Amino acid sequence: MFAKAFRVKSNTAIKGSDRRKLRADVTAAFPALGTDQISELIPGKEDLNVVKLYVHKGDSVTVYASGGNPILFELEKNLYPTVYTLWAYPDILPTFITWPLVLEKLVGGADLMLPGVVVPPTGLPQVQQGDLCAIALVGNRAPVAIGVAAMSTAQMLASGLKGKGVSVLHTYQDHLWRSGDKSSPPAIAPLDPTDSCEEKVHLGLQGNLKSLTLDGEEENGQVPLREASEDTSSRAPSQDSLDGKPLQEQMDDLLLRCFLHALKSRVKKADLPLLTSTLLGSHMFSCCPEGQQLDIKKSSYKKLSKFLQHMQQEQIVQVKELSKGVESIVAVDWRHPRKGSTLEGSEVRKIITDYAKRNRLVDADNRNLVKLDPILCDCILEKNEQHLVTKLPWDCLLTRCLKNLQPAYQVTFPGQEPILKKGKLCPIDITLELKTYNKKLMDLVLLLFFQDS
């Protein structure tokens, strides 16, 4: 509704009688709010403005603003809280959970579709069609959108989680949010952080994500992990992959790869401190290759906290309990050797080739062309090419991939550890001269700074 700019008709201070009526309406609309909370939301003496506006579709909306932020809006005599209000009172509405990747679509005006809903171990919230509900992201209870249920919970389950789940009215980052102080959602830990992190959830969106691998690693020869209906601890380790590794060892490898990939490509210094639940739900799950499911309980660690303790012992991250029962990553060793590896040109070529074949990107009509999926588009295309270039020849694809990689070289001296340096290798001049008596003299100009490294 507020995805596009709106037009303000009037902005006036609320009258005393209207303030009392608004309190009564809020009490009736949101019974979960207590008397003290309503007094905080609609104070008796502080400024409270009534803003009448027209949205881009022509609907007339009344917005109530306090302290510079919109706190409520009224549409067709129905009262709705804004995200600013829901951040202060996150539990007043039933909340659906989705992935961070979906937020961009919601901000653009899309509704929440059921395939993008994450089903927690406790199940979906109980709603009836038309009920007011909130939308939050995995790992953070702070709502990022508000809307009305397009169907009841029973209908959602009966549909196999297909179709529209929530008709979205207002989101974080839309124009109504921009009319306030433009603050970001606070980090509100799940009610049960252990369950939200470590229970296996329905990865509704994950089926649409393309394969992602760590730098220098391949998935060639792997097959999807088989769903195990029985407890793996009660039987002998299964041999579910072509490399003959037990299921637990496979899950340990997958867990480490998703963890390192998340740190390398998704987590930034500005994100720290980062809730461990957010790391898992918002970053690690989305780094899991298609056809596989990240299930910590099937690993040797069993719990995310134990895995992170091991990563802390490896000096990759530092974990602290900033609030009671809630752990956060407070530091990352961005230069740790396990966070990346070097690749030769032939290895890059093989990884790209295997990726294209595994994801069926080779053009069926012309096998010299490769179709570009979203991951390849992000890696090699310029912004002005994103919607124009859909295919590339093999040689052009490989050239672009190599061009975007950080160049490096390695120098090895006898009896010493190899020296790895970033940047292009300086040229080495070799000249061959013909001297008297037909003797040939070779001049080799070496880079002396190698020996000083």
Protein backbone atom coordinates (compact mmCIF):
# COMPACT_ATOMS: atom_id res chain seq x y z
CA MET A 1 0.00 0.00 0.00
CA PHE A 2 2.85 2.39 0.82
CA ALA A 3 5.33 1.02 -1.71
CA LYS A 4 5.01 4.29 -3.65
CA ALA A 5 4.92 7.89 -2.46
CA PHE A 6 1.66 9.19 -0.98
CA ARG A 7 0.08 12.66 -0.92
CA VAL A 8 -0.60 14.36 2.43
CA LYS A 9 -3.97 16.13 2.65
CA SER A 10 -3.72 17.47 6.22
CA ASN A 11 -1.64 17.22 9.39
CA THR A 12 -3.24 18.41 12.63
CA ALA A 13 -2.85 17.87 16.38
CA ILE A 14 -5.36 15.42 17.84
CA LYS A 15 -8.17 16.71 20.05
CA GLY A 16 -8.68 15.49 23.60
CA SER A 17 -11.93 13.69 22.80
CA ASP A 18 -10.38 12.05 19.73
CA ARG A 19 -7.41 10.92 21.83
CA ARG A 20 -9.74 9.16 24.28
CA LYS A 21 -11.65 7.55 21.42
CA LEU A 22 -8.39 6.36 19.85
CA ARG A 23 -7.38 4.72 23.13
CA ALA A 24 -10.70 2.89 23.25
CA ASP A 25 -10.32 1.77 19.62
CA VAL A 26 -6.77 0.49 20.26
CA THR A 27 -7.94 -1.41 23.35
CA ALA A 28 -10.66 -3.12 21.31
CA ALA A 29 -8.43 -3.82 18.29
CA PHE A 30 -5.42 -5.14 20.22
CA PRO A 31 -6.56 -6.90 23.40
CA ALA A 32 -3.02 -8.21 23.99
CA LEU A 33 -1.95 -4.67 24.94
CA GLY A 34 -2.27 -3.89 28.64
CA THR A 35 -3.45 -0.59 30.10
CA ASP A 36 0.09 0.62 30.79
CA GLN A 37 1.19 -0.26 27.27
CA ILE A 38 -1.72 1.65 25.74
CA SER A 39 -0.81 4.65 27.90
CA GLU A 40 2.75 4.43 26.57
CA LEU A 41 1.57 4.12 22.98
CA ILE A 42 -0.98 6.94 23.23
CA PRO A 43 0.28 9.28 25.97
CA GLY A 44 -2.10 11.68 27.66
CA LYS A 45 -0.18 14.92 27.18
CA GLU A 46 2.50 14.42 24.55
CA ASP A 47 1.97 15.59 20.98
CA LEU A 48 -0.06 13.24 18.82
CA ASN A 49 -0.81 14.21 15.23
CA VAL A 50 -3.50 13.05 12.84
CA VAL A 51 -2.27 12.88 9.24
CA LYS A 52 -4.77 12.35 6.44
CA LEU A 53 -3.24 11.18 3.18
CA TYR A 54 -3.98 9.56 -0.15
CA VAL A 55 -1.92 6.56 -1.28
CA HIS A 56 -0.96 6.04 -4.92
CA LYS A 57 -4.03 3.87 -5.59
CA GLY A 58 -6.34 6.63 -4.38
CA ASP A 59 -7.33 5.15 -1.00
CA SER A 60 -7.76 7.59 1.87
CA VAL A 61 -5.71 6.65 4.95
CA THR A 62 -5.51 8.25 8.38
CA VAL A 63 -2.13 8.01 10.12
CA TYR A 64 -1.50 8.71 13.81
CA ALA A 65 2.03 9.96 14.55
CA SER A 66 3.77 10.38 17.90
CA GLY A 67 7.34 11.48 18.58
CA GLY A 68 7.97 11.91 14.87
CA ASN A 69 7.05 8.30 14.02
CA PRO A 70 3.81 6.91 12.57
CA ILE A 71 2.42 4.53 15.19
CA LEU A 72 -0.97 3.55 13.75
CA PHE A 73 -2.89 3.89 10.52
CA GLU A 74 -6.59 3.53 9.80
CA LEU A 75 -8.05 2.20 6.56
CA GLU A 76 -11.79 1.69 6.03
CA LYS A 77 -12.39 2.03 9.80
CA ASN A 78 -9.86 -0.72 10.57
CA LEU A 79 -6.88 0.15 12.79
CA TYR A 80 -3.38 -1.21 12.05
CA PRO A 81 -0.07 -0.81 13.92
CA THR A 82 3.04 0.31 12.05
CA VAL A 83 6.38 -1.48 12.26
CA TYR A 84 7.55 1.17 14.73
CA THR A 85 4.78 0.10 17.12
CA LEU A 86 5.37 -3.61 16.52
CA TRP A 87 9.05 -3.21 17.39
CA ALA A 88 7.99 -1.96 20.82
CA TYR A 89 5.29 -4.64 21.19
CA PRO A 90 6.34 -7.55 18.92
CA ASP A 91 3.90 -10.10 20.33
CA ILE A 92 0.55 -8.35 19.92
CA LEU A 93 -0.15 -10.07 16.58
CA PRO A 94 0.27 -13.63 15.29
CA THR A 95 3.52 -13.65 13.33
CA PHE A 96 4.60 -15.55 10.23
CA ILE A 97 8.32 -16.10 9.62
CA THR A 98 10.08 -15.78 6.29
CA TRP A 99 13.61 -15.49 4.88
CA PRO A 100 15.54 -12.21 4.54
CA LEU A 101 15.62 -12.68 0.75
CA VAL A 102 11.83 -12.28 0.70
CA LEU A 103 11.88 -8.86 2.39
CA GLU A 104 13.00 -7.09 -0.79
CA LYS A 105 9.94 -8.47 -2.61
CA LEU A 106 7.59 -7.37 0.17
CA VAL A 107 9.04 -3.85 0.17
CA GLY A 108 8.44 -3.72 -3.58
CA GLY A 109 4.72 -4.33 -3.05
CA ALA A 110 4.46 -8.13 -3.23
CA ASP A 111 2.34 -10.22 -0.88
CA LEU A 112 3.77 -13.05 1.23
CA MET A 113 3.39 -16.32 -0.63
CA LEU A 114 3.21 -19.55 1.35
CA PRO A 115 6.26 -21.21 -0.31
CA GLY A 116 8.33 -18.45 1.31
CA VAL A 117 6.99 -19.12 4.82
CA VAL A 118 9.27 -20.88 7.31
CA VAL A 119 7.39 -23.34 9.50
CA PRO A 120 8.97 -23.43 13.00
CA PRO A 121 8.87 -26.54 15.21
CA THR A 122 5.83 -25.11 17.02
CA GLY A 123 3.90 -24.89 13.75
CA LEU A 124 2.21 -21.99 11.98
CA PRO A 125 0.38 -19.34 14.02
CA GLN A 126 -3.36 -19.93 14.27
CA VAL A 127 -5.27 -17.37 12.19
CA GLN A 128 -8.57 -17.07 10.38
CA GLN A 129 -8.98 -15.54 6.95
CA GLY A 130 -8.89 -11.75 7.26
CA ASP A 131 -7.08 -11.73 10.62
CA LEU A 132 -4.42 -9.09 11.16
CA CYS A 133 -0.92 -10.60 11.34
CA ALA A 134 2.74 -9.62 11.29
CA ILE A 135 5.72 -10.93 9.31
CA ALA A 136 9.21 -11.37 10.80
CA LEU A 137 12.50 -12.74 9.51
CA VAL A 138 14.26 -15.90 10.62
CA GLY A 139 16.25 -15.33 13.81
CA ASN A 140 14.65 -12.00 14.77
CA ARG A 141 11.21 -11.50 16.32
CA ALA A 142 11.05 -7.83 15.26
CA PRO A 143 8.29 -7.66 12.58
CA VAL A 144 9.18 -6.20 9.20
CA ALA A 145 5.68 -6.16 7.67
CA ILE A 146 2.00 -6.22 8.54
CA GLY A 147 -0.99 -7.52 6.61
CA VAL A 148 -4.10 -9.67 6.71
CA ALA A 149 -4.25 -13.44 6.36
CA ALA A 150 -5.38 -14.49 2.88
CA MET A 151 -6.63 -17.82 4.26
CA SER A 152 -6.95 -19.62 7.57
CA THR A 153 -4.15 -21.72 9.02
CA ALA A 154 -6.12 -24.88 8.27
CA GLN A 155 -6.52 -23.82 4.64
CA MET A 156 -2.79 -23.04 4.39
CA LEU A 157 -1.88 -26.52 5.56
CA ALA A 158 -4.53 -28.13 3.36
CA SER A 159 -3.10 -26.32 0.31
CA GLY A 160 0.34 -27.79 0.94
CA LEU A 161 1.67 -24.28 1.65
CA LYS A 162 0.91 -23.02 -1.84
CA GLY A 163 -0.68 -19.74 -2.85
CA LYS A 164 -0.94 -16.38 -1.10
CA GLY A 165 -0.48 -16.41 2.67
CA VAL A 166 -0.63 -12.76 3.74
CA SER A 167 -1.89 -9.69 1.86
CA VAL A 168 0.73 -7.12 2.85
CA LEU A 169 -0.31 -3.57 3.76
CA HIS A 170 2.82 -1.96 5.22
CA THR A 171 6.52 -2.89 5.44
CA TYR A 172 9.80 -1.76 6.84
CA GLN A 173 11.49 0.55 4.26
CA ASP A 174 8.24 1.57 2.55
CA HIS A 175 7.14 5.22 2.33
CA LEU A 176 5.15 5.13 5.57
CA TRP A 177 8.28 3.91 7.39
CA ARG A 178 10.28 6.66 5.65
CA SER A 179 7.96 9.29 7.13
CA GLY A 180 9.40 8.39 10.57
CA ASP A 181 12.96 8.38 11.88
CA LYS A 182 13.93 5.57 9.45
CA SER A 183 15.38 3.40 12.20
CA SER A 184 16.22 -0.25 11.56
CA PRO A 185 14.47 -3.23 13.19
CA PRO A 186 15.88 -4.01 16.64
CA ALA A 187 17.40 -7.43 17.28
CA ILE A 188 14.75 -9.30 19.29
CA ALA A 189 15.74 -12.87 20.08
CA PRO A 190 13.23 -15.69 19.47
CA LEU A 191 11.19 -16.73 22.49
CA ASP A 192 13.11 -20.03 22.54
CA PRO A 193 16.49 -19.39 20.87
CA THR A 194 17.56 -23.03 21.14
CA ASP A 195 14.55 -24.34 19.28
CA SER A 196 14.63 -21.62 16.64
CA CYS A 197 18.27 -22.30 15.89
CA GLU A 198 18.65 -26.00 16.14
CA GLU A 199 15.37 -27.61 15.20
CA LYS A 200 14.89 -28.61 11.61
CA VAL A 201 12.54 -26.14 9.92
CA HIS A 202 10.64 -26.31 6.68
CA LEU A 203 12.90 -24.68 4.11
CA GLY A 204 10.09 -23.51 1.87
CA LEU A 205 12.16 -20.94 0.04
CA GLN A 206 15.32 -22.99 -0.15
CA GLY A 207 14.08 -25.08 -3.05
CA ASN A 208 14.21 -21.97 -5.23
CA LEU A 209 17.80 -21.10 -4.35
CA LYS A 210 20.59 -22.11 -6.69
CA SER A 211 23.58 -24.15 -5.57
CA LEU A 212 26.22 -22.25 -3.65
CA THR A 213 29.69 -23.60 -2.86
CA LEU A 214 32.70 -22.39 -0.95
CA ASP A 215 35.62 -20.96 -2.91
CA GLY A 216 37.77 -23.77 -4.19
CA GLU A 217 35.30 -26.52 -3.35
CA GLU A 218 33.17 -28.59 -5.67
CA GLU A 219 30.09 -30.68 -5.30
CA ASN A 220 31.02 -33.01 -8.12
CA GLY A 221 30.21 -36.56 -7.15
CA GLN A 222 27.85 -35.68 -4.32
CA VAL A 223 24.24 -36.74 -4.17
CA PRO A 224 21.45 -35.17 -2.08
CA LEU A 225 21.37 -36.31 1.51
CA ARG A 226 18.64 -38.86 2.03
CA GLU A 227 15.93 -38.00 4.49
CA ALA A 228 16.30 -40.21 7.55
CA SER A 229 13.01 -40.93 9.25
CA GLU A 230 14.59 -42.80 12.12
CA ASP A 231 17.12 -41.52 14.64
CA THR A 232 20.58 -41.88 13.12
CA SER A 233 22.14 -42.36 16.55
CA SER A 234 20.27 -45.63 17.02
CA ARG A 235 21.72 -47.36 13.98
CA ALA A 236 25.02 -47.79 12.21
CA PRO A 237 26.25 -44.82 10.15
CA SER A 238 24.83 -44.92 6.64
CA GLN A 239 26.92 -44.62 3.50
CA ASP A 240 24.77 -42.14 1.61
CA SER A 241 27.28 -40.49 -0.68
CA LEU A 242 29.52 -41.65 -3.45
CA ASP A 243 32.60 -40.78 -1.39
CA GLY A 244 31.57 -43.34 1.25
CA LYS A 245 31.41 -40.87 4.15
CA PRO A 246 28.99 -41.60 7.01
CA LEU A 247 25.96 -39.33 7.21
CA GLN A 248 27.24 -37.61 10.35
CA GLU A 249 30.56 -36.76 8.70
CA GLN A 250 28.73 -35.44 5.64
CA MET A 251 26.66 -33.15 7.85
CA ASP A 252 29.78 -31.93 9.66
CA ASP A 253 31.32 -31.03 6.28
CA LEU A 254 28.13 -29.31 5.11
CA LEU A 255 27.84 -27.37 8.37
CA LEU A 256 31.42 -26.11 8.12
CA ARG A 257 31.05 -25.18 4.45
CA CYS A 258 27.84 -23.21 5.04
CA PHE A 259 29.42 -21.50 8.06
CA LEU A 260 32.56 -20.44 6.17
CA HIS A 261 30.60 -19.39 3.10
CA ALA A 262 28.26 -17.27 5.23
CA LEU A 263 31.20 -15.51 6.90
CA LYS A 264 32.97 -14.99 3.59
CA SER A 265 30.11 -13.74 1.42
CA ARG A 266 27.26 -12.56 3.65
CA VAL A 267 28.40 -11.33 7.06
CA LYS A 268 30.04 -7.91 7.23
CA LYS A 269 31.88 -6.13 10.03
CA ALA A 270 28.96 -3.73 10.39
CA ASP A 271 26.69 -6.70 11.25
CA LEU A 272 28.60 -7.46 14.46
CA PRO A 273 27.61 -8.29 17.12
CA LEU A 274 25.42 -10.85 15.32
CA LEU A 275 22.97 -13.17 17.04
CA THR A 276 23.99 -16.78 16.52
CA SER A 277 20.38 -17.55 15.63
CA THR A 278 20.52 -14.88 12.91
CA LEU A 279 23.75 -16.33 11.55
CA LEU A 280 22.11 -19.73 11.19
CA GLY A 281 18.66 -18.68 9.99
CA SER A 282 19.50 -15.68 7.81
CA HIS A 283 22.90 -16.67 6.41
CA MET A 284 23.92 -20.32 6.80
CA PHE A 285 20.64 -21.88 5.64
CA SER A 286 20.68 -19.82 2.44
CA CYS A 287 24.25 -21.03 1.74
CA CYS A 288 23.14 -24.66 1.72
CA PRO A 289 23.36 -26.23 -1.77
CA GLU A 290 20.14 -27.14 -3.52
CA GLY A 291 19.03 -30.68 -2.81
CA GLN A 292 20.61 -30.75 0.66
CA GLN A 293 19.26 -29.74 4.06
CA LEU A 294 21.34 -28.41 6.90
CA ASP A 295 20.33 -30.31 10.03
CA ILE A 296 22.62 -29.70 13.01
CA LYS A 297 21.10 -32.56 14.98
CA LYS A 298 22.49 -34.99 12.40
CA SER A 299 26.01 -33.60 12.86
CA SER A 300 28.45 -34.67 15.55
CA TYR A 301 27.91 -31.33 17.31
CA LYS A 302 24.12 -31.76 17.78
CA LYS A 303 23.79 -28.09 18.79
CA LEU A 304 24.80 -24.83 17.14
CA SER A 305 26.39 -23.63 20.38
CA LYS A 306 28.81 -26.60 20.44
CA PHE A 307 29.76 -26.04 16.81
CA LEU A 308 30.46 -22.36 17.47
CA GLN A 309 32.54 -23.29 20.52
CA HIS A 310 34.69 -25.40 18.21
CA MET A 311 34.96 -22.52 15.73
CA GLN A 312 36.00 -20.28 18.61
CA GLN A 313 38.72 -22.77 19.58
CA GLU A 314 39.88 -22.62 15.96
CA GLN A 315 40.07 -18.82 16.47
CA ILE A 316 37.74 -18.11 13.55
CA VAL A 317 35.07 -16.32 15.61
CA GLN A 318 34.56 -15.02 19.13
CA VAL A 319 31.23 -15.77 20.80
CA LYS A 320 29.84 -14.02 23.88
CA GLU A 321 26.59 -14.09 25.83
CA LEU A 322 25.61 -10.41 25.62
CA SER A 323 22.24 -11.03 27.27
CA LYS A 324 21.07 -13.89 29.45
CA GLY A 325 20.70 -17.07 27.40
CA VAL A 326 21.35 -15.33 24.06
CA GLU A 327 24.75 -15.73 22.39
CA SER A 328 26.18 -13.42 19.74
CA ILE A 329 29.22 -13.44 17.49
CA VAL A 330 31.22 -10.37 18.49
CA ALA A 331 34.36 -10.81 16.38
CA VAL A 332 35.51 -12.63 13.24
CA ASP A 333 39.07 -13.30 12.13
CA TRP A 334 38.58 -12.25 8.52
CA ARG A 335 42.14 -13.34 7.61
CA HIS A 336 41.89 -16.83 9.03
CA PRO A 337 43.37 -19.33 6.53
CA ARG A 338 40.26 -21.54 6.63
CA LYS A 339 38.04 -18.75 5.33
CA GLY A 340 39.32 -19.00 1.77
CA SER A 341 41.70 -20.81 -0.52
CA THR A 342 43.59 -20.21 -3.74
CA LEU A 343 42.56 -21.67 -7.07
CA GLU A 344 44.42 -22.20 -10.29
CA GLY A 345 42.83 -21.22 -13.57
CA SER A 346 42.19 -24.86 -14.48
CA GLU A 347 40.38 -25.40 -11.17
CA VAL A 348 38.17 -22.36 -11.75
CA ARG A 349 37.36 -23.64 -15.22
CA LYS A 350 36.35 -27.05 -13.85
CA ILE A 351 34.19 -25.55 -11.08
CA ILE A 352 32.32 -23.29 -13.52
CA THR A 353 31.88 -26.13 -16.01
CA ASP A 354 30.58 -28.53 -13.36
CA TYR A 355 28.24 -25.86 -11.97
CA ALA A 356 26.74 -25.12 -15.39
CA LYS A 357 26.22 -28.80 -16.18
CA ARG A 358 24.86 -29.66 -12.73
CA ASN A 359 22.28 -26.87 -12.94
CA ARG A 360 21.41 -27.59 -16.60
CA LEU A 361 22.53 -24.17 -17.79
CA VAL A 362 24.06 -25.38 -21.07
CA ASP A 363 21.83 -24.19 -23.92
CA ALA A 364 20.03 -27.14 -25.49
CA ASP A 365 20.04 -25.60 -28.99
CA ASN A 366 23.61 -24.32 -28.93
CA ARG A 367 25.94 -26.10 -26.52
CA ASN A 368 28.53 -23.36 -26.97
CA LEU A 369 26.27 -21.04 -24.95
CA VAL A 370 25.57 -21.02 -21.21
CA LYS A 371 22.34 -19.64 -19.73
CA LEU A 372 22.97 -17.24 -16.85
CA ASP A 373 21.12 -17.97 -13.61
CA PRO A 374 20.82 -15.31 -10.83
CA ILE A 375 24.09 -16.38 -9.20
CA LEU A 376 26.11 -16.11 -12.40
CA CYS A 377 24.42 -12.79 -13.22
CA ASP A 378 25.47 -11.35 -9.86
CA CYS A 379 29.02 -12.64 -10.29
CA ILE A 380 29.90 -11.51 -13.80
CA LEU A 381 27.40 -9.00 -15.21
CA GLU A 382 27.50 -5.24 -14.88
CA LYS A 383 24.38 -3.48 -13.57
CA ASN A 384 23.40 -2.26 -17.04
CA GLU A 385 23.61 -5.85 -18.35
CA GLN A 386 21.44 -7.52 -15.70
CA HIS A 387 18.25 -7.54 -17.77
CA LEU A 388 19.85 -7.66 -21.22
CA VAL A 389 22.37 -10.51 -21.21
CA THR A 390 20.84 -13.96 -20.67
CA LYS A 391 23.48 -16.20 -22.30
CA LEU A 392 27.23 -16.13 -22.84
CA PRO A 393 29.70 -18.29 -24.80
CA TRP A 394 31.86 -20.59 -22.69
CA ASP A 395 35.08 -18.66 -23.32
CA CYS A 396 33.46 -15.32 -22.46
CA LEU A 397 31.92 -16.77 -19.28
CA LEU A 398 35.24 -18.19 -18.08
CA THR A 399 37.14 -15.02 -18.97
CA ARG A 400 34.73 -12.88 -16.98
CA CYS A 401 34.86 -15.22 -13.99
CA LEU A 402 38.66 -15.18 -13.93
CA LYS A 403 38.69 -11.40 -14.34
CA ASN A 404 36.57 -10.94 -11.21
CA LEU A 405 38.81 -13.12 -9.04
CA GLN A 406 41.61 -11.67 -6.92
CA PRO A 407 44.91 -12.46 -8.70
CA ALA A 408 47.65 -14.09 -6.64
CA TYR A 409 50.89 -15.99 -7.12
CA GLN A 410 53.02 -18.39 -5.13
CA VAL A 411 56.81 -18.53 -4.95
CA THR A 412 58.59 -21.63 -3.67
CA PHE A 413 62.23 -21.79 -2.52
CA PRO A 414 63.92 -25.11 -1.70
CA GLY A 415 63.51 -26.04 1.95
CA GLN A 416 61.08 -23.18 2.66
CA GLU A 417 57.34 -22.80 3.00
CA PRO A 418 55.70 -21.45 -0.18
CA ILE A 419 55.13 -17.69 -0.19
CA LEU A 420 51.66 -16.60 -1.31
CA LYS A 421 51.19 -13.01 -2.47
CA LYS A 422 48.15 -11.15 -3.72
CA GLY A 423 48.31 -9.17 -6.95
CA LYS A 424 49.67 -9.84 -10.40
CA LEU A 425 53.08 -11.41 -10.86
CA CYS A 426 55.70 -8.91 -11.98
CA PRO A 427 57.34 -9.92 -15.27
CA ILE A 428 60.60 -11.89 -15.31
CA ASP A 429 62.88 -10.90 -18.18
CA ILE A 430 64.88 -13.64 -19.92
CA THR A 431 67.27 -12.68 -22.74
CA LEU A 432 69.53 -14.92 -24.80
CA GLU A 433 72.70 -13.38 -26.28
CA LEU A 434 75.26 -14.86 -28.69
CA LYS A 435 78.85 -14.17 -27.57
CA THR A 436 82.23 -14.91 -29.11
CA TYR A 437 83.20 -18.50 -29.89
CA ASN A 438 79.48 -19.25 -30.43
CA LYS A 439 78.86 -19.27 -26.70
CA LYS A 440 75.36 -18.44 -25.59
CA LEU A 441 74.77 -16.35 -22.48
CA MET A 442 71.37 -16.26 -20.80
CA ASP A 443 70.48 -13.25 -18.65
CA LEU A 444 67.77 -13.98 -16.10
CA VAL A 445 66.41 -10.95 -14.27
CA LEU A 446 64.80 -12.19 -11.08
CA LEU A 447 62.73 -10.28 -8.61
CA LEU A 448 64.98 -9.96 -5.60
CA PHE A 449 62.16 -8.92 -3.32
CA PHE A 450 61.01 -12.56 -3.22
CA GLN A 451 63.96 -13.38 -0.99
CA ASP A 452 63.16 -10.48 1.33
CA SER A 453 59.60 -11.66 1.95
